[in-house]
Amino acid sequence: MAEAAHKFKLKKEDTVQIIAGKDKGKRGKILKILRDKDRVVVEGANIVKKAQKRRSQQDRGGIVEVEAALHSSNVQIVCKKCGPTRIGYKLDGDKKTRVCRKCGEAL
């Protein structure tokens, strides 16, 4: 039986900071979220070399550099005011908004 996909507090296009691994301290936008594997792909981070097959005449093959996925626990959302932080939620009537745990600013 397959395990249920993890609920993410992060969303695509969020600015995050990497808090562990070879790219610790780097910041970038989330390009893709892989819910079934608990991973995120961050722009400009965790660059790996990958052998790419030639697809057409103008498309060149060879070794290309692409962003690989990171585990979601190794990234933290960045608040505009106070930097890397955790995400909390505020309920305004029936609306649920993500807020910074440090300063309470909406994310």
PDB file of N, CA and C in Angstrom:
ATOM      1  N   MET A   1       0.832  -1.197   0.000  1.00  0.00           N
ATOM      2  CA  MET A   1       0.000   0.000   0.000  1.00  0.00           C
ATOM      3  C   MET A   1       0.870   1.253   0.000  1.00  0.00           C
ATOM      4  N   ALA A   2       0.554   2.193  -0.874  1.00  0.00           N
ATOM      5  CA  ALA A   2       1.345   3.415  -0.986  1.00  0.00           C
ATOM      6  C   ALA A   2       1.039   4.363   0.171  1.00  0.00           C
ATOM      7  N   GLU A   3       2.079   5.036   0.633  1.00  0.00           N
ATOM      8  CA  GLU A   3       1.927   5.990   1.724  1.00  0.00           C
ATOM      9  C   GLU A   3       1.337   7.292   1.186  1.00  0.00           C
ATOM     10  N   ALA A   4       0.523   7.978   1.990  1.00  0.00           N
ATOM     11  CA  ALA A   4      -0.114   9.222   1.552  1.00  0.00           C
ATOM     12  C   ALA A   4       0.936  10.310   1.338  1.00  0.00           C
ATOM     13  N   ALA A   5       0.709  11.156   0.348  1.00  0.00           N
ATOM     14  CA  ALA A   5       1.641  12.247   0.055  1.00  0.00           C
ATOM     15  C   ALA A   5       1.652  13.241   1.210  1.00  0.00           C
ATOM     16  N   HIS A   6       2.831  13.765   1.493  1.00  0.00           N
ATOM     17  CA  HIS A   6       3.036  14.695   2.594  1.00  0.00           C
ATOM     18  C   HIS A   6       2.389  16.049   2.313  1.00  0.00           C
ATOM     19  N   LYS A   7       1.816  16.663   3.323  1.00  0.00           N
ATOM     20  CA  LYS A   7       1.219  17.995   3.208  1.00  0.00           C
ATOM     21  C   LYS A   7       2.331  19.026   3.323  1.00  0.00           C
ATOM     22  N   PHE A   8       2.450  19.892   2.307  1.00  0.00           N
ATOM     23  CA  PHE A   8       3.503  20.900   2.297  1.00  0.00           C
ATOM     24  C   PHE A   8       2.983  22.260   2.719  1.00  0.00           C
ATOM     25  N   LYS A   9       3.764  22.963   3.540  1.00  0.00           N
ATOM     26  CA  LYS A   9       3.445  24.342   3.871  1.00  0.00           C
ATOM     27  C   LYS A   9       4.068  25.270   2.833  1.00  0.00           C
ATOM     28  N   LEU A  10       5.066  24.745   2.112  1.00  0.00           N
ATOM     29  CA  LEU A  10       5.726  25.507   1.059  1.00  0.00           C
ATOM     30  C   LEU A  10       4.914  25.424  -0.223  1.00  0.00           C
ATOM     31  N   LYS A  11       5.065  26.457  -1.059  1.00  0.00           N
ATOM     32  CA  LYS A  11       4.373  26.479  -2.344  1.00  0.00           C
ATOM     33  C   LYS A  11       5.372  26.828  -3.438  1.00  0.00           C
ATOM     34  N   LYS A  12       4.992  26.532  -4.683  1.00  0.00           N
ATOM     35  CA  LYS A  12       5.801  26.891  -5.837  1.00  0.00           C
ATOM     36  C   LYS A  12       5.979  28.409  -5.852  1.00  0.00           C
ATOM     37  N   GLU A  13       7.152  28.880  -6.287  1.00  0.00           N
ATOM     38  CA  GLU A  13       7.505  30.307  -6.362  1.00  0.00           C
ATOM     39  C   GLU A  13       7.844  30.930  -4.999  1.00  0.00           C
ATOM     40  N   ASP A  14       7.786  30.179  -3.905  1.00  0.00           N
ATOM     41  CA  ASP A  14       8.226  30.701  -2.602  1.00  0.00           C
ATOM     42  C   ASP A  14       9.736  30.877  -2.627  1.00  0.00           C
ATOM     43  N   THR A  15      10.230  31.919  -1.961  1.00  0.00           N
ATOM     44  CA  THR A  15      11.673  32.095  -1.814  1.00  0.00           C
ATOM     45  C   THR A  15      12.092  31.333  -0.555  1.00  0.00           C
ATOM     46  N   VAL A  16      13.062  30.441  -0.727  1.00  0.00           N
ATOM     47  CA  VAL A  16      13.520  29.628   0.396  1.00  0.00           C
ATOM     48  C   VAL A  16      15.037  29.727   0.561  1.00  0.00           C
ATOM     49  N   GLN A  17      15.508  29.384   1.752  1.00  0.00           N
ATOM     50  CA  GLN A  17      16.941  29.316   2.028  1.00  0.00           C
ATOM     51  C   GLN A  17      17.269  27.883   2.390  1.00  0.00           C
ATOM     52  N   ILE A  18      18.414  27.402   1.888  1.00  0.00           N
ATOM     53  CA  ILE A  18      18.836  26.039   2.182  1.00  0.00           C
ATOM     54  C   ILE A  18      19.565  26.047   3.515  1.00  0.00           C
ATOM     55  N   ILE A  19      19.149  25.178   4.435  1.00  0.00           N
ATOM     56  CA  ILE A  19      19.694  25.195   5.791  1.00  0.00           C
ATOM     57  C   ILE A  19      20.616  24.013   6.075  1.00  0.00           C
ATOM     58  N   ALA A  20      20.779  23.097   5.106  1.00  0.00           N
ATOM     59  CA  ALA A  20      21.675  21.955   5.300  1.00  0.00           C
ATOM     60  C   ALA A  20      22.162  21.453   3.948  1.00  0.00           C
ATOM     61  N   GLY A  21      23.338  20.840   3.934  1.00  0.00           N
ATOM     62  CA  GLY A  21      23.868  20.259   2.708  1.00  0.00           C
ATOM     63  C   GLY A  21      24.930  21.124   2.052  1.00  0.00           C
ATOM     64  N   LYS A  22      25.331  20.739   0.843  1.00  0.00           N
ATOM     65  CA  LYS A  22      26.448  21.412   0.164  1.00  0.00           C
ATOM     66  C   LYS A  22      26.143  22.849  -0.234  1.00  0.00           C
ATOM     67  N   ASP A  23      24.872  23.202  -0.383  1.00  0.00           N
ATOM     68  CA  ASP A  23      24.484  24.560  -0.776  1.00  0.00           C
ATOM     69  C   ASP A  23      23.922  25.363   0.394  1.00  0.00           C
ATOM     70  N   LYS A  24      24.302  25.025   1.618  1.00  0.00           N
ATOM     71  CA  LYS A  24      23.797  25.695   2.821  1.00  0.00           C
ATOM     72  C   LYS A  24      23.982  27.207   2.716  1.00  0.00           C
ATOM     73  N   GLY A  25      22.895  27.949   2.993  1.00  0.00           N
ATOM     74  CA  GLY A  25      22.954  29.407   2.945  1.00  0.00           C
ATOM     75  C   GLY A  25      22.455  30.007   1.644  1.00  0.00           C
ATOM     76  N   LYS A  26      22.374  29.215   0.580  1.00  0.00           N
ATOM     77  CA  LYS A  26      21.896  29.725  -0.707  1.00  0.00           C
ATOM     78  C   LYS A  26      20.398  29.979  -0.652  1.00  0.00           C
ATOM     79  N   ARG A  27      19.971  30.993  -1.420  1.00  0.00           N
ATOM     80  CA  ARG A  27      18.544  31.295  -1.523  1.00  0.00           C
ATOM     81  C   ARG A  27      18.092  31.157  -2.966  1.00  0.00           C
ATOM     82  N   GLY A  28      16.834  30.778  -3.148  1.00  0.00           N
ATOM     83  CA  GLY A  28      16.268  30.658  -4.483  1.00  0.00           C
ATOM     84  C   GLY A  28      14.786  30.384  -4.429  1.00  0.00           C
ATOM     85  N   LYS A  29      14.159  30.416  -5.604  1.00  0.00           N
ATOM     86  CA  LYS A  29      12.714  30.150  -5.697  1.00  0.00           C
ATOM     87  C   LYS A  29      12.473  28.658  -5.888  1.00  0.00           C
ATOM     88  N   ILE A  30      11.347  28.178  -5.391  1.00  0.00           N
ATOM     89  CA  ILE A  30      10.964  26.785  -5.606  1.00  0.00           C
ATOM     90  C   ILE A  30      10.424  26.657  -7.020  1.00  0.00           C
ATOM     91  N   LEU A  31      11.014  25.742  -7.799  1.00  0.00           N
ATOM     92  CA  LEU A  31      10.583  25.516  -9.175  1.00  0.00           C
ATOM     93  C   LEU A  31       9.562  24.393  -9.250  1.00  0.00           C
ATOM     94  N   LYS A  32       9.732  23.381  -8.405  1.00  0.00           N
ATOM     95  CA  LYS A  32       8.875  22.201  -8.468  1.00  0.00           C
ATOM     96  C   LYS A  32       8.786  21.555  -7.086  1.00  0.00           C
ATOM     97  N   ILE A  33       7.615  21.005  -6.772  1.00  0.00           N
ATOM     98  CA  ILE A  33       7.425  20.276  -5.517  1.00  0.00           C
ATOM     99  C   ILE A  33       7.058  18.836  -5.848  1.00  0.00           C
ATOM    100  N   LEU A  34       7.824  17.892  -5.287  1.00  0.00           N
ATOM    101  CA  LEU A  34       7.569  16.466  -5.496  1.00  0.00           C
ATOM    102  C   LEU A  34       6.958  15.914  -4.202  1.00  0.00           C
ATOM    103  N   ARG A  35       5.642  15.985  -4.106  1.00  0.00           N
ATOM    104  CA  ARG A  35       4.949  15.616  -2.868  1.00  0.00           C
ATOM    105  C   ARG A  35       5.127  14.158  -2.470  1.00  0.00           C
ATOM    106  N   ASP A  36       5.134  13.268  -3.458  1.00  0.00           N
ATOM    107  CA  ASP A  36       5.243  11.841  -3.145  1.00  0.00           C
ATOM    108  C   ASP A  36       6.607  11.478  -2.549  1.00  0.00           C
ATOM    109  N   LYS A  37       7.642  12.260  -2.863  1.00  0.00           N
ATOM    110  CA  LYS A  37       8.985  11.968  -2.353  1.00  0.00           C
ATOM    111  C   LYS A  37       9.448  12.955  -1.288  1.00  0.00           C
ATOM    112  N   ASP A  38       8.582  13.896  -0.878  1.00  0.00           N
ATOM    113  CA  ASP A  38       8.932  14.900   0.141  1.00  0.00           C
ATOM    114  C   ASP A  38      10.091  15.791  -0.289  1.00  0.00           C
ATOM    115  N   ARG A  39      10.172  16.133  -1.564  1.00  0.00           N
ATOM    116  CA  ARG A  39      11.314  16.893  -2.066  1.00  0.00           C
ATOM    117  C   ARG A  39      10.882  18.140  -2.826  1.00  0.00           C
ATOM    118  N   VAL A  40      11.812  19.108  -2.901  1.00  0.00           N
ATOM    119  CA  VAL A  40      11.591  20.338  -3.664  1.00  0.00           C
ATOM    120  C   VAL A  40      12.790  20.607  -4.562  1.00  0.00           C
ATOM    121  N   VAL A  41      12.543  21.250  -5.716  1.00  0.00           N
ATOM    122  CA  VAL A  41      13.618  21.656  -6.611  1.00  0.00           C
ATOM    123  C   VAL A  41      13.739  23.168  -6.476  1.00  0.00           C
ATOM    124  N   VAL A  42      14.945  23.638  -6.074  1.00  0.00           N
ATOM    125  CA  VAL A  42      15.188  25.061  -5.851  1.00  0.00           C
ATOM    126  C   VAL A  42      16.067  25.611  -6.967  1.00  0.00           C
ATOM    127  N   GLU A  43      15.677  26.777  -7.481  1.00  0.00           N
ATOM    128  CA  GLU A  43      16.384  27.436  -8.583  1.00  0.00           C
ATOM    129  C   GLU A  43      17.838  27.743  -8.201  1.00  0.00           C
ATOM    130  N   GLY A  44      18.775  27.262  -9.018  1.00  0.00           N
ATOM    131  CA  GLY A  44      20.190  27.557  -8.818  1.00  0.00           C
ATOM    132  C   GLY A  44      20.871  26.823  -7.679  1.00  0.00           C
ATOM    133  N   ALA A  45      20.205  25.830  -7.105  1.00  0.00           N
ATOM    134  CA  ALA A  45      20.789  25.097  -5.977  1.00  0.00           C
ATOM    135  C   ALA A  45      20.852  23.602  -6.277  1.00  0.00           C
ATOM    136  N   ASN A  46      21.791  22.918  -5.639  1.00  0.00           N
ATOM    137  CA  ASN A  46      21.983  21.480  -5.801  1.00  0.00           C
ATOM    138  C   ASN A  46      22.167  21.109  -7.280  1.00  0.00           C
ATOM    139  N   ILE A  47      23.095  21.810  -7.919  1.00  0.00           N
ATOM    140  CA  ILE A  47      23.377  21.603  -9.344  1.00  0.00           C
ATOM    141  C   ILE A  47      24.154  20.302  -9.518  1.00  0.00           C
ATOM    142  N   VAL A  48      23.662  19.448 -10.422  1.00  0.00           N
ATOM    143  CA  VAL A  48      24.343  18.192 -10.729  1.00  0.00           C
ATOM    144  C   VAL A  48      24.557  18.091 -12.234  1.00  0.00           C
ATOM    145  N   LYS A  49      25.572  17.336 -12.627  1.00  0.00           N
ATOM    146  CA  LYS A  49      25.837  17.106 -14.042  1.00  0.00           C
ATOM    147  C   LYS A  49      25.052  15.876 -14.480  1.00  0.00           C
ATOM    148  N   LYS A  50      24.404  15.995 -15.650  1.00  0.00           N
ATOM    149  CA  LYS A  50      23.558  14.916 -16.128  1.00  0.00           C
ATOM    150  C   LYS A  50      23.847  14.676 -17.607  1.00  0.00           C
ATOM    151  N   ALA A  51      23.968  13.409 -17.981  1.00  0.00           N
ATOM    152  CA  ALA A  51      24.179  13.074 -19.393  1.00  0.00           C
ATOM    153  C   ALA A  51      22.845  13.190 -20.118  1.00  0.00           C
ATOM    154  N   GLN A  52      22.803  14.011 -21.164  1.00  0.00           N
ATOM    155  CA  GLN A  52      21.562  14.255 -21.901  1.00  0.00           C
ATOM    156  C   GLN A  52      21.710  13.711 -23.314  1.00  0.00           C
ATOM    157  N   LYS A  53      20.732  12.948 -23.743  1.00  0.00           N
ATOM    158  CA  LYS A  53      20.732  12.392 -25.089  1.00  0.00           C
ATOM    159  C   LYS A  53      20.279  13.465 -26.083  1.00  0.00           C
ATOM    160  N   ARG A  54      20.835  13.421 -27.281  1.00  0.00           N
ATOM    161  CA  ARG A  54      20.456  14.385 -28.315  1.00  0.00           C
ATOM    162  C   ARG A  54      19.042  14.074 -28.803  1.00  0.00           C
ATOM    163  N   ARG A  55      18.151  15.063 -28.759  1.00  0.00           N
ATOM    164  CA  ARG A  55      16.747  14.859 -29.135  1.00  0.00           C
ATOM    165  C   ARG A  55      16.482  15.193 -30.608  1.00  0.00           C
ATOM    166  N   SER A  56      17.088  16.293 -31.099  1.00  0.00           N
ATOM    167  CA  SER A  56      16.867  16.706 -32.486  1.00  0.00           C
ATOM    168  C   SER A  56      18.152  17.322 -33.045  1.00  0.00           C
ATOM    169  N   GLN A  57      18.110  17.812 -34.279  1.00  0.00           N
ATOM    170  CA  GLN A  57      19.299  18.383 -34.921  1.00  0.00           C
ATOM    171  C   GLN A  57      19.841  19.586 -34.141  1.00  0.00           C
ATOM    172  N   GLN A  58      18.943  20.522 -33.770  1.00  0.00           N
ATOM    173  CA  GLN A  58      19.410  21.726 -33.087  1.00  0.00           C
ATOM    174  C   GLN A  58      19.608  21.525 -31.585  1.00  0.00           C
ATOM    175  N   ASP A  59      18.935  20.548 -30.983  1.00  0.00           N
ATOM    176  CA  ASP A  59      19.084  20.263 -29.557  1.00  0.00           C
ATOM    177  C   ASP A  59      20.381  19.488 -29.334  1.00  0.00           C
ATOM    178  N   ARG A  60      21.297  20.080 -28.568  1.00  0.00           N
ATOM    179  CA  ARG A  60      22.582  19.432 -28.346  1.00  0.00           C
ATOM    180  C   ARG A  60      22.528  18.495 -27.157  1.00  0.00           C
ATOM    181  N   GLY A  61      23.166  17.354 -27.296  1.00  0.00           N
ATOM    182  CA  GLY A  61      23.263  16.401 -26.197  1.00  0.00           C
ATOM    183  C   GLY A  61      24.510  16.686 -25.388  1.00  0.00           C
ATOM    184  N   GLY A  62      24.994  15.694 -24.654  1.00  0.00           N
ATOM    185  CA  GLY A  62      26.215  15.854 -23.877  1.00  0.00           C
ATOM    186  C   GLY A  62      25.919  15.977 -22.400  1.00  0.00           C
ATOM    187  N   ILE A  63      26.852  16.579 -21.677  1.00  0.00           N
ATOM    188  CA  ILE A  63      26.705  16.706 -20.227  1.00  0.00           C
ATOM    189  C   ILE A  63      26.149  18.085 -19.909  1.00  0.00           C
ATOM    190  N   VAL A  64      24.981  18.114 -19.268  1.00  0.00           N
ATOM    191  CA  VAL A  64      24.334  19.379 -18.909  1.00  0.00           C
ATOM    192  C   VAL A  64      24.232  19.477 -17.386  1.00  0.00           C
ATOM    193  N   GLU A  65      24.114  20.715 -16.898  1.00  0.00           N
ATOM    194  CA  GLU A  65      23.967  20.930 -15.464  1.00  0.00           C
ATOM    195  C   GLU A  65      22.507  21.269 -15.166  1.00  0.00           C
ATOM    196  N   VAL A  66      21.909  20.521 -14.255  1.00  0.00           N
ATOM    197  CA  VAL A  66      20.506  20.731 -13.891  1.00  0.00           C
ATOM    198  C   VAL A  66      20.359  20.768 -12.370  1.00  0.00           C
ATOM    199  N   GLU A  67      19.256  21.359 -11.911  1.00  0.00           N
ATOM    200  CA  GLU A  67      18.962  21.389 -10.479  1.00  0.00           C
ATOM    201  C   GLU A  67      18.364  20.053 -10.066  1.00  0.00           C
ATOM    202  N   ALA A  68      18.912  19.451  -9.027  1.00  0.00           N
ATOM    203  CA  ALA A  68      18.368  18.200  -8.503  1.00  0.00           C
ATOM    204  C   ALA A  68      17.481  18.529  -7.298  1.00  0.00           C
ATOM    205  N   ALA A  69      16.626  17.591  -6.932  1.00  0.00           N
ATOM    206  CA  ALA A  69      15.696  17.809  -5.821  1.00  0.00           C
ATOM    207  C   ALA A  69      16.407  17.730  -4.475  1.00  0.00           C
ATOM    208  N   LEU A  70      15.923  18.536  -3.522  1.00  0.00           N
ATOM    209  CA  LEU A  70      16.407  18.536  -2.135  1.00  0.00           C
ATOM    210  C   LEU A  70      15.275  18.053  -1.246  1.00  0.00           C
ATOM    211  N   HIS A  71      15.605  17.483  -0.089  1.00  0.00           N
ATOM    212  CA  HIS A  71      14.547  17.097   0.840  1.00  0.00           C
ATOM    213  C   HIS A  71      13.923  18.361   1.427  1.00  0.00           C
ATOM    214  N   SER A  72      12.614  18.341   1.612  1.00  0.00           N
ATOM    215  CA  SER A  72      11.895  19.538   2.074  1.00  0.00           C
ATOM    216  C   SER A  72      12.344  20.007   3.459  1.00  0.00           C
ATOM    217  N   SER A  73      12.903  19.100   4.273  1.00  0.00           N
ATOM    218  CA  SER A  73      13.352  19.486   5.610  1.00  0.00           C
ATOM    219  C   SER A  73      14.633  20.312   5.568  1.00  0.00           C
ATOM    220  N   ASN A  74      15.300  20.353   4.411  1.00  0.00           N
ATOM    221  CA  ASN A  74      16.548  21.107   4.284  1.00  0.00           C
ATOM    222  C   ASN A  74      16.359  22.522   3.757  1.00  0.00           C
ATOM    223  N   VAL A  75      15.107  22.948   3.599  1.00  0.00           N
ATOM    224  CA  VAL A  75      14.844  24.322   3.165  1.00  0.00           C
ATOM    225  C   VAL A  75      13.905  25.001   4.148  1.00  0.00           C
ATOM    226  N   GLN A  76      14.039  26.344   4.232  1.00  0.00           N
ATOM    227  CA  GLN A  76      13.201  27.136   5.115  1.00  0.00           C
ATOM    228  C   GLN A  76      12.734  28.370   4.362  1.00  0.00           C
ATOM    229  N   ILE A  77      11.465  28.723   4.509  1.00  0.00           N
ATOM    230  CA  ILE A  77      10.928  29.888   3.807  1.00  0.00           C
ATOM    231  C   ILE A  77      11.587  31.157   4.338  1.00  0.00           C
ATOM    232  N   VAL A  78      11.723  32.174   3.452  1.00  0.00           N
ATOM    233  CA  VAL A  78      12.367  33.427   3.835  1.00  0.00           C
ATOM    234  C   VAL A  78      11.309  34.519   3.964  1.00  0.00           C
ATOM    235  N   CYS A  79      11.245  35.120   5.154  1.00  0.00           N
ATOM    236  CA  CYS A  79      10.348  36.252   5.414  1.00  0.00           C
ATOM    237  C   CYS A  79      11.069  37.519   4.959  1.00  0.00           C
ATOM    238  N   LYS A  80      10.339  38.469   4.373  1.00  0.00           N
ATOM    239  CA  LYS A  80      10.944  39.715   3.895  1.00  0.00           C
ATOM    240  C   LYS A  80      11.546  40.537   5.035  1.00  0.00           C
ATOM    241  N   LYS A  81      10.918  40.468   6.213  1.00  0.00           N
ATOM    242  CA  LYS A  81      11.378  41.239   7.366  1.00  0.00           C
ATOM    243  C   LYS A  81      12.528  40.573   8.116  1.00  0.00           C
ATOM    244  N   CYS A  82      12.337  39.294   8.476  1.00  0.00           N
ATOM    245  CA  CYS A  82      13.277  38.674   9.429  1.00  0.00           C
ATOM    246  C   CYS A  82      14.072  37.482   8.915  1.00  0.00           C
ATOM    247  N   GLY A  83      14.063  37.219   7.611  1.00  0.00           N
ATOM    248  CA  GLY A  83      14.890  36.144   7.063  1.00  0.00           C
ATOM    249  C   GLY A  83      14.254  34.769   7.178  1.00  0.00           C
ATOM    250  N   PRO A  84      15.084  33.698   7.247  1.00  0.00           N
ATOM    251  CA  PRO A  84      14.547  32.331   7.291  1.00  0.00           C
ATOM    252  C   PRO A  84      13.692  32.099   8.538  1.00  0.00           C
ATOM    253  N   THR A  85      12.531  31.517   8.338  1.00  0.00           N
ATOM    254  CA  THR A  85      11.602  31.316   9.453  1.00  0.00           C
ATOM    255  C   THR A  85      10.729  30.098   9.218  1.00  0.00           C
ATOM    256  N   ARG A  86       9.934  29.748  10.233  1.00  0.00           N
ATOM    257  CA  ARG A  86       8.953  28.683  10.075  1.00  0.00           C
ATOM    258  C   ARG A  86       7.612  29.317   9.725  1.00  0.00           C
ATOM    259  N   ILE A  87       6.690  28.479   9.233  1.00  0.00           N
ATOM    260  CA  ILE A  87       5.385  28.986   8.793  1.00  0.00           C
ATOM    261  C   ILE A  87       4.317  28.654   9.821  1.00  0.00           C
ATOM    262  N   GLY A  88       3.511  29.662  10.142  1.00  0.00           N
ATOM    263  CA  GLY A  88       2.344  29.467  10.994  1.00  0.00           C
ATOM    264  C   GLY A  88       1.113  29.827  10.185  1.00  0.00           C
ATOM    265  N   TYR A  89      -0.050  29.612  10.766  1.00  0.00           N
ATOM    266  CA  TYR A  89      -1.299  29.943  10.073  1.00  0.00           C
ATOM    267  C   TYR A  89      -2.172  30.821  10.940  1.00  0.00           C
ATOM    268  N   LYS A  90      -2.893  31.764  10.290  1.00  0.00           N
ATOM    269  CA  LYS A  90      -3.877  32.607  10.965  1.00  0.00           C
ATOM    270  C   LYS A  90      -5.210  32.401  10.270  1.00  0.00           C
ATOM    271  N   LEU A  91      -6.264  32.312  11.045  1.00  0.00           N
ATOM    272  CA  LEU A  91      -7.609  32.167  10.481  1.00  0.00           C
ATOM    273  C   LEU A  91      -8.346  33.500  10.580  1.00  0.00           C
ATOM    274  N   ASP A  92      -8.732  34.043   9.424  1.00  0.00           N
ATOM    275  CA  ASP A  92      -9.547  35.258   9.384  1.00  0.00           C
ATOM    276  C   ASP A  92     -10.934  34.840   8.890  1.00  0.00           C
ATOM    277  N   GLY A  93     -11.816  34.537   9.819  1.00  0.00           N
ATOM    278  CA  GLY A  93     -13.138  34.033   9.442  1.00  0.00           C
ATOM    279  C   GLY A  93     -12.996  32.643   8.854  1.00  0.00           C
ATOM    280  N   ASP A  94     -13.216  32.521   7.522  1.00  0.00           N
ATOM    281  CA  ASP A  94     -13.062  31.217   6.872  1.00  0.00           C
ATOM    282  C   ASP A  94     -11.808  31.180   5.999  1.00  0.00           C
ATOM    283  N   LYS A  95     -10.984  32.254   6.048  1.00  0.00           N
ATOM    284  CA  LYS A  95      -9.760  32.310   5.244  1.00  0.00           C
ATOM    285  C   LYS A  95      -8.547  31.923   6.083  1.00  0.00           C
ATOM    286  N   LYS A  96      -7.701  31.060   5.516  1.00  0.00           N
ATOM    287  CA  LYS A  96      -6.492  30.610   6.205  1.00  0.00           C
ATOM    288  C   LYS A  96      -5.283  31.218   5.498  1.00  0.00           C
ATOM    289  N   THR A  97      -4.478  32.016   6.220  1.00  0.00           N
ATOM    290  CA  THR A  97      -3.308  32.645   5.610  1.00  0.00           C
ATOM    291  C   THR A  97      -2.029  32.184   6.298  1.00  0.00           C
ATOM    292  N   ARG A  98      -0.956  32.059   5.497  1.00  0.00           N
ATOM    293  CA  ARG A  98       0.342  31.663   6.046  1.00  0.00           C
ATOM    294  C   ARG A  98       1.027  32.900   6.634  1.00  0.00           C
ATOM    295  N   VAL A  99       1.569  32.762   7.827  1.00  0.00           N
ATOM    296  CA  VAL A  99       2.248  33.880   8.479  1.00  0.00           C
ATOM    297  C   VAL A  99       3.621  33.454   8.989  1.00  0.00           C
ATOM    298  N   CYS A 100       4.500  34.445   9.147  1.00  0.00           N
ATOM    299  CA  CYS A 100       5.839  34.242   9.692  1.00  0.00           C
ATOM    300  C   CYS A 100       5.707  33.969  11.193  1.00  0.00           C
ATOM    301  N   ARG A 101       6.419  32.946  11.684  1.00  0.00           N
ATOM    302  CA  ARG A 101       6.360  32.621  13.111  1.00  0.00           C
ATOM    303  C   ARG A 101       7.104  33.648  13.966  1.00  0.00           C
ATOM    304  N   LYS A 102       8.070  34.353  13.375  1.00  0.00           N
ATOM    305  CA  LYS A 102       8.870  35.319  14.142  1.00  0.00           C
ATOM    306  C   LYS A 102       8.150  36.663  14.321  1.00  0.00           C
ATOM    307  N   CYS A 103       7.647  37.234  13.184  1.00  0.00           N
ATOM    308  CA  CYS A 103       7.088  38.593  13.259  1.00  0.00           C
ATOM    309  C   CYS A 103       5.591  38.661  12.986  1.00  0.00           C
ATOM    310  N   GLY A 104       4.984  37.567  12.527  1.00  0.00           N
ATOM    311  CA  GLY A 104       3.551  37.556  12.264  1.00  0.00           C
ATOM    312  C   GLY A 104       3.146  38.146  10.923  1.00  0.00           C
ATOM    313  N   GLU A 105       4.128  38.539  10.118  1.00  0.00           N
ATOM    314  CA  GLU A 105       3.871  39.092   8.775  1.00  0.00           C
ATOM    315  C   GLU A 105       3.323  38.016   7.852  1.00  0.00           C
ATOM    316  N   ALA A 106       2.367  38.384   6.983  1.00  0.00           N
ATOM    317  CA  ALA A 106       1.810  37.420   6.017  1.00  0.00           C
ATOM    318  C   ALA A 106       2.854  37.025   4.992  1.00  0.00           C
ATOM    319  N   LEU A 107       2.895  35.731   4.663  1.00  0.00           N
ATOM    320  CA  LEU A 107       3.879  35.242   3.683  1.00  0.00           C
ATOM    321  C   LEU A 107       3.232  35.045   2.326  1.00  0.00           C
TER     322      LEU A 107
END
